[in-house]
Amino acid sequence: MESLMAYVVGILFAAAIYMMLRRSIVKLVIGLMILSNAANLLIFVVSGMTRGAPPLLPAGAEAPASAIADPLPQALILTAIVIAFGVLAFAVVLIRRAYEVVGTDDLDQMKDTDT
């Protein structure tokens, strides 16, 4: 299963880089979101894809009775998802305002308006 997920992460990174190299600012933001999702999936895969019980200990026990899931990567990924959503919301507002001012989403034509 890990090798399949490694291929999926590689494909997501490749798709993100391809989208970020396009001239449209909308495709750039889509590429950034795919990149953040690929990084989240990479953290999840590297942390180990083992099924286990929640990391709760019964009263009086010093060690878990069976294999437990590691909660740290899940917490990191949840934080990264929230941050990525905030970045996406900001980028959408920024793109809308830039499109209203410039009238295009082509990055080369936006560069011409700097002079």
N, C-alpha and C. Protein backbone atom coordinates (compact mmCIF):
# COMPACT_ATOMS: atom_id res chain seq x y z
N MET A 1 0.82 -1.20 0.00
CA MET A 1 0.00 0.00 0.00
C MET A 1 0.87 1.27 0.00
N GLU A 2 2.01 1.20 0.71
CA GLU A 2 2.87 2.38 0.77
C GLU A 2 3.45 2.73 -0.60
N SER A 3 3.78 1.70 -1.39
CA SER A 3 4.35 1.99 -2.71
C SER A 3 3.31 2.64 -3.63
N LEU A 4 2.07 2.21 -3.53
CA LEU A 4 1.00 2.85 -4.32
C LEU A 4 0.82 4.30 -3.90
N MET A 5 0.84 4.54 -2.61
CA MET A 5 0.68 5.91 -2.12
C MET A 5 1.89 6.77 -2.50
N ALA A 6 3.08 6.16 -2.58
CA ALA A 6 4.25 6.91 -3.02
C ALA A 6 4.09 7.36 -4.47
N TYR A 7 3.53 6.50 -5.31
CA TYR A 7 3.26 6.89 -6.70
C TYR A 7 2.22 8.00 -6.77
N VAL A 8 1.20 7.91 -5.93
CA VAL A 8 0.16 8.94 -5.92
C VAL A 8 0.75 10.28 -5.49
N VAL A 9 1.61 10.27 -4.47
CA VAL A 9 2.25 11.51 -4.02
C VAL A 9 3.12 12.09 -5.14
N GLY A 10 3.86 11.23 -5.83
CA GLY A 10 4.69 11.70 -6.94
C GLY A 10 3.87 12.30 -8.06
N ILE A 11 2.75 11.67 -8.39
CA ILE A 11 1.87 12.19 -9.44
C ILE A 11 1.28 13.53 -9.01
N LEU A 12 0.89 13.65 -7.74
CA LEU A 12 0.34 14.92 -7.26
C LEU A 12 1.38 16.04 -7.30
N PHE A 13 2.62 15.73 -6.90
CA PHE A 13 3.67 16.74 -6.97
C PHE A 13 3.93 17.15 -8.43
N ALA A 14 3.96 16.17 -9.34
CA ALA A 14 4.19 16.49 -10.75
C ALA A 14 3.05 17.35 -11.31
N ALA A 15 1.82 16.99 -10.97
CA ALA A 15 0.67 17.79 -11.44
C ALA A 15 0.70 19.19 -10.87
N ALA A 16 1.11 19.32 -9.61
CA ALA A 16 1.18 20.65 -8.99
C ALA A 16 2.23 21.52 -9.66
N ILE A 17 3.38 20.94 -9.93
CA ILE A 17 4.44 21.72 -10.59
C ILE A 17 4.01 22.12 -11.99
N TYR A 18 3.37 21.19 -12.70
CA TYR A 18 2.87 21.51 -14.04
C TYR A 18 1.86 22.65 -14.00
N MET A 19 0.95 22.61 -13.05
CA MET A 19 -0.06 23.67 -12.95
C MET A 19 0.57 25.00 -12.55
N MET A 20 1.59 24.96 -11.71
CA MET A 20 2.22 26.21 -11.28
C MET A 20 3.06 26.85 -12.38
N LEU A 21 3.43 26.08 -13.39
CA LEU A 21 4.21 26.64 -14.50
C LEU A 21 3.33 27.22 -15.60
N ARG A 22 2.02 27.13 -15.47
CA ARG A 22 1.10 27.71 -16.45
C ARG A 22 1.08 29.21 -16.28
N ARG A 23 0.57 29.92 -17.28
CA ARG A 23 0.58 31.39 -17.26
C ARG A 23 -0.61 31.98 -16.54
N SER A 24 -1.62 31.20 -16.28
CA SER A 24 -2.81 31.72 -15.63
C SER A 24 -2.62 31.73 -14.12
N ILE A 25 -3.04 32.82 -13.49
CA ILE A 25 -2.90 32.92 -12.04
C ILE A 25 -3.86 31.97 -11.32
N VAL A 26 -4.99 31.66 -11.94
CA VAL A 26 -5.93 30.70 -11.34
C VAL A 26 -5.29 29.32 -11.31
N LYS A 27 -4.62 28.94 -12.39
CA LYS A 27 -3.95 27.64 -12.43
C LYS A 27 -2.79 27.60 -11.45
N LEU A 28 -2.16 28.73 -11.21
CA LEU A 28 -1.09 28.80 -10.22
C LEU A 28 -1.63 28.48 -8.83
N VAL A 29 -2.76 29.05 -8.48
CA VAL A 29 -3.34 28.80 -7.16
C VAL A 29 -3.82 27.37 -7.05
N ILE A 30 -4.39 26.83 -8.12
CA ILE A 30 -4.81 25.42 -8.10
C ILE A 30 -3.58 24.53 -7.90
N GLY A 31 -2.48 24.86 -8.55
CA GLY A 31 -1.24 24.11 -8.37
C GLY A 31 -0.73 24.19 -6.94
N LEU A 32 -0.85 25.36 -6.32
CA LEU A 32 -0.43 25.49 -4.92
C LEU A 32 -1.29 24.63 -4.00
N MET A 33 -2.58 24.55 -4.27
CA MET A 33 -3.45 23.72 -3.44
C MET A 33 -3.15 22.24 -3.64
N ILE A 34 -2.88 21.83 -4.87
CA ILE A 34 -2.50 20.43 -5.11
C ILE A 34 -1.18 20.13 -4.42
N LEU A 35 -0.25 21.10 -4.44
CA LEU A 35 1.03 20.92 -3.78
C LEU A 35 0.86 20.74 -2.27
N SER A 36 0.00 21.53 -1.67
CA SER A 36 -0.22 21.39 -0.23
C SER A 36 -0.88 20.05 0.10
N ASN A 37 -1.80 19.60 -0.75
CA ASN A 37 -2.41 18.29 -0.52
C ASN A 37 -1.40 17.17 -0.69
N ALA A 38 -0.50 17.31 -1.66
CA ALA A 38 0.54 16.30 -1.84
C ALA A 38 1.48 16.25 -0.64
N ALA A 39 1.81 17.40 -0.10
CA ALA A 39 2.68 17.43 1.09
C ALA A 39 1.97 16.80 2.29
N ASN A 40 0.67 17.06 2.43
CA ASN A 40 -0.08 16.44 3.52
C ASN A 40 -0.10 14.93 3.37
N LEU A 41 -0.34 14.46 2.17
CA LEU A 41 -0.36 13.02 1.93
C LEU A 41 1.01 12.41 2.15
N LEU A 42 2.06 13.13 1.79
CA LEU A 42 3.42 12.65 2.03
C LEU A 42 3.69 12.48 3.52
N ILE A 43 3.29 13.45 4.32
CA ILE A 43 3.46 13.33 5.78
C ILE A 43 2.70 12.13 6.30
N PHE A 44 1.50 11.94 5.80
CA PHE A 44 0.67 10.82 6.26
C PHE A 44 1.30 9.48 5.89
N VAL A 45 1.85 9.37 4.69
CA VAL A 45 2.45 8.11 4.24
C VAL A 45 3.75 7.83 4.98
N VAL A 46 4.58 8.86 5.16
CA VAL A 46 5.86 8.67 5.82
C VAL A 46 5.67 8.28 7.29
N SER A 47 4.61 8.76 7.91
CA SER A 47 4.38 8.45 9.32
C SER A 47 3.99 7.00 9.54
N GLY A 48 3.65 6.29 8.50
CA GLY A 48 3.30 4.88 8.63
C GLY A 48 1.81 4.68 8.53
N MET A 49 1.43 3.79 7.64
CA MET A 49 0.01 3.56 7.42
C MET A 49 -0.40 2.27 8.13
N THR A 50 -0.35 2.28 9.43
CA THR A 50 -0.76 1.12 10.21
C THR A 50 -2.11 1.41 10.85
N ARG A 51 -2.95 0.40 10.82
CA ARG A 51 -4.23 0.55 11.49
C ARG A 51 -4.03 0.20 12.95
N GLY A 52 -4.53 1.03 13.79
CA GLY A 52 -4.38 0.78 15.21
C GLY A 52 -5.51 1.42 15.98
N ALA A 53 -5.53 1.12 17.22
CA ALA A 53 -6.54 1.68 18.11
C ALA A 53 -6.20 3.14 18.40
N PRO A 54 -7.17 3.90 18.85
CA PRO A 54 -6.83 5.27 19.25
C PRO A 54 -5.85 5.25 20.42
N PRO A 55 -5.03 6.28 20.55
CA PRO A 55 -4.00 6.27 21.59
C PRO A 55 -4.58 6.59 22.97
N LEU A 56 -5.50 5.78 23.42
CA LEU A 56 -6.10 5.94 24.74
C LEU A 56 -5.71 4.74 25.61
N LEU A 57 -5.33 5.02 26.83
CA LEU A 57 -4.96 3.96 27.75
C LEU A 57 -6.10 3.73 28.73
N PRO A 58 -6.39 2.47 29.02
CA PRO A 58 -7.40 2.22 30.04
C PRO A 58 -6.90 2.65 31.41
N ALA A 59 -7.81 2.85 32.33
CA ALA A 59 -7.43 3.31 33.67
C ALA A 59 -6.53 2.28 34.33
N GLY A 60 -5.40 2.75 34.84
CA GLY A 60 -4.48 1.89 35.56
C GLY A 60 -3.43 1.22 34.69
N ALA A 61 -3.51 1.33 33.39
CA ALA A 61 -2.54 0.70 32.50
C ALA A 61 -1.36 1.62 32.28
N GLU A 62 -0.17 1.03 32.18
CA GLU A 62 1.04 1.82 31.93
C GLU A 62 1.42 1.85 30.46
N ALA A 63 0.97 0.87 29.71
CA ALA A 63 1.31 0.79 28.29
C ALA A 63 0.07 0.32 27.53
N PRO A 64 -0.04 0.68 26.26
CA PRO A 64 -1.19 0.21 25.49
C PRO A 64 -1.15 -1.31 25.29
N ALA A 65 -2.33 -1.90 25.21
CA ALA A 65 -2.42 -3.35 25.07
C ALA A 65 -2.13 -3.80 23.64
N SER A 66 -2.44 -2.98 22.65
CA SER A 66 -2.23 -3.35 21.25
C SER A 66 -1.59 -2.18 20.51
N ALA A 67 -1.44 -2.34 19.20
CA ALA A 67 -0.86 -1.27 18.39
C ALA A 67 -1.76 -0.05 18.40
N ILE A 68 -1.15 1.12 18.49
CA ILE A 68 -1.93 2.37 18.50
C ILE A 68 -1.51 3.23 17.32
N ALA A 69 -2.41 4.08 16.91
CA ALA A 69 -2.12 5.03 15.83
C ALA A 69 -1.39 6.24 16.41
N ASP A 70 -0.43 6.76 15.66
CA ASP A 70 0.33 7.92 16.10
C ASP A 70 -0.49 9.19 15.83
N PRO A 71 -0.85 9.96 16.85
CA PRO A 71 -1.70 11.14 16.62
C PRO A 71 -0.95 12.37 16.13
N LEU A 72 0.37 12.41 16.23
CA LEU A 72 1.12 13.60 15.85
C LEU A 72 1.01 13.93 14.36
N PRO A 73 1.23 12.98 13.44
CA PRO A 73 1.07 13.33 12.02
C PRO A 73 -0.35 13.78 11.68
N GLN A 74 -1.33 13.18 12.33
CA GLN A 74 -2.71 13.59 12.07
C GLN A 74 -2.95 15.02 12.52
N ALA A 75 -2.37 15.40 13.66
CA ALA A 75 -2.51 16.78 14.13
C ALA A 75 -1.79 17.75 13.21
N LEU A 76 -0.61 17.37 12.73
CA LEU A 76 0.13 18.24 11.81
C LEU A 76 -0.63 18.44 10.50
N ILE A 77 -1.21 17.36 9.99
CA ILE A 77 -1.95 17.45 8.73
C ILE A 77 -3.21 18.28 8.91
N LEU A 78 -3.89 18.13 10.04
CA LEU A 78 -5.08 18.93 10.29
C LEU A 78 -4.73 20.42 10.35
N THR A 79 -3.63 20.75 11.00
CA THR A 79 -3.18 22.14 11.04
C THR A 79 -2.83 22.65 9.65
N ALA A 80 -2.17 21.83 8.86
CA ALA A 80 -1.80 22.23 7.50
C ALA A 80 -3.03 22.43 6.62
N ILE A 81 -4.06 21.63 6.81
CA ILE A 81 -5.30 21.79 6.04
C ILE A 81 -5.96 23.13 6.36
N VAL A 82 -5.99 23.49 7.63
CA VAL A 82 -6.60 24.76 8.04
C VAL A 82 -5.81 25.94 7.47
N ILE A 83 -4.50 25.86 7.53
CA ILE A 83 -3.66 26.94 6.99
C ILE A 83 -3.84 27.03 5.48
N ALA A 84 -3.89 25.89 4.79
CA ALA A 84 -4.08 25.89 3.33
C ALA A 84 -5.42 26.49 2.95
N PHE A 85 -6.45 26.24 3.75
CA PHE A 85 -7.76 26.84 3.47
C PHE A 85 -7.70 28.36 3.61
N GLY A 86 -7.00 28.85 4.62
CA GLY A 86 -6.84 30.30 4.78
C GLY A 86 -6.08 30.92 3.63
N VAL A 87 -5.02 30.25 3.17
CA VAL A 87 -4.25 30.75 2.03
C VAL A 87 -5.11 30.75 0.78
N LEU A 88 -5.92 29.71 0.59
CA LEU A 88 -6.80 29.65 -0.58
C LEU A 88 -7.82 30.78 -0.56
N ALA A 89 -8.41 31.04 0.59
CA ALA A 89 -9.39 32.12 0.69
C ALA A 89 -8.74 33.47 0.37
N PHE A 90 -7.55 33.70 0.89
CA PHE A 90 -6.84 34.95 0.60
C PHE A 90 -6.50 35.05 -0.88
N ALA A 91 -6.03 33.95 -1.47
CA ALA A 91 -5.65 33.95 -2.88
C ALA A 91 -6.85 34.20 -3.79
N VAL A 92 -7.99 33.64 -3.45
CA VAL A 92 -9.19 33.87 -4.27
C VAL A 92 -9.58 35.34 -4.26
N VAL A 93 -9.54 35.97 -3.10
CA VAL A 93 -9.86 37.39 -3.01
C VAL A 93 -8.83 38.23 -3.76
N LEU A 94 -7.56 37.86 -3.64
CA LEU A 94 -6.50 38.59 -4.34
C LEU A 94 -6.63 38.44 -5.85
N ILE A 95 -6.95 37.24 -6.32
CA ILE A 95 -7.13 37.02 -7.76
C ILE A 95 -8.31 37.82 -8.28
N ARG A 96 -9.40 37.82 -7.53
CA ARG A 96 -10.59 38.56 -7.97
C ARG A 96 -10.29 40.05 -8.09
N ARG A 97 -9.59 40.59 -7.11
CA ARG A 97 -9.26 42.02 -7.15
C ARG A 97 -8.28 42.32 -8.29
N ALA A 98 -7.30 41.45 -8.49
CA ALA A 98 -6.35 41.67 -9.59
C ALA A 98 -7.05 41.57 -10.93
N TYR A 99 -8.00 40.68 -11.06
CA TYR A 99 -8.74 40.56 -12.32
C TYR A 99 -9.60 41.80 -12.56
N GLU A 100 -10.18 42.36 -11.50
CA GLU A 100 -10.98 43.58 -11.65
C GLU A 100 -10.10 44.74 -12.10
N VAL A 101 -8.89 44.84 -11.58
CA VAL A 101 -8.02 45.97 -11.90
C VAL A 101 -7.40 45.80 -13.29
N VAL A 102 -6.86 44.62 -13.57
CA VAL A 102 -6.11 44.40 -14.80
C VAL A 102 -7.01 43.94 -15.94
N GLY A 103 -8.00 43.13 -15.63
CA GLY A 103 -8.90 42.63 -16.67
C GLY A 103 -8.46 41.33 -17.31
N THR A 104 -7.44 40.68 -16.76
CA THR A 104 -6.97 39.40 -17.29
C THR A 104 -6.37 38.59 -16.16
N ASP A 105 -6.24 37.28 -16.40
CA ASP A 105 -5.58 36.43 -15.40
C ASP A 105 -4.25 35.90 -15.92
N ASP A 106 -3.80 36.40 -17.07
CA ASP A 106 -2.51 35.99 -17.64
C ASP A 106 -1.39 36.73 -16.91
N LEU A 107 -0.44 35.98 -16.38
CA LEU A 107 0.64 36.59 -15.61
C LEU A 107 1.53 37.49 -16.45
N ASP A 108 1.74 37.15 -17.72
CA ASP A 108 2.56 38.00 -18.58
C ASP A 108 1.89 39.34 -18.84
N GLN A 109 0.60 39.35 -19.04
CA GLN A 109 -0.11 40.61 -19.25
C GLN A 109 -0.21 41.41 -17.96
N MET A 110 -0.24 40.76 -16.81
CA MET A 110 -0.23 41.48 -15.54
C MET A 110 1.10 42.16 -15.32
N LYS A 111 2.17 41.55 -15.81
CA LYS A 111 3.50 42.14 -15.65
C LYS A 111 3.61 43.43 -16.47
N ASP A 112 2.93 43.51 -17.59
CA ASP A 112 2.98 44.71 -18.45
C ASP A 112 2.33 45.91 -17.79
N THR A 113 1.48 45.70 -16.80
CA THR A 113 0.80 46.83 -16.15
C THR A 113 1.63 47.47 -15.06
N ASP A 114 2.84 46.94 -14.78
CA ASP A 114 3.69 47.50 -13.73
C ASP A 114 4.30 48.84 -14.11
N THR A 115 4.43 49.13 -15.39
CA THR A 115 5.11 50.37 -15.80
C THR A 115 4.18 51.55 -15.75
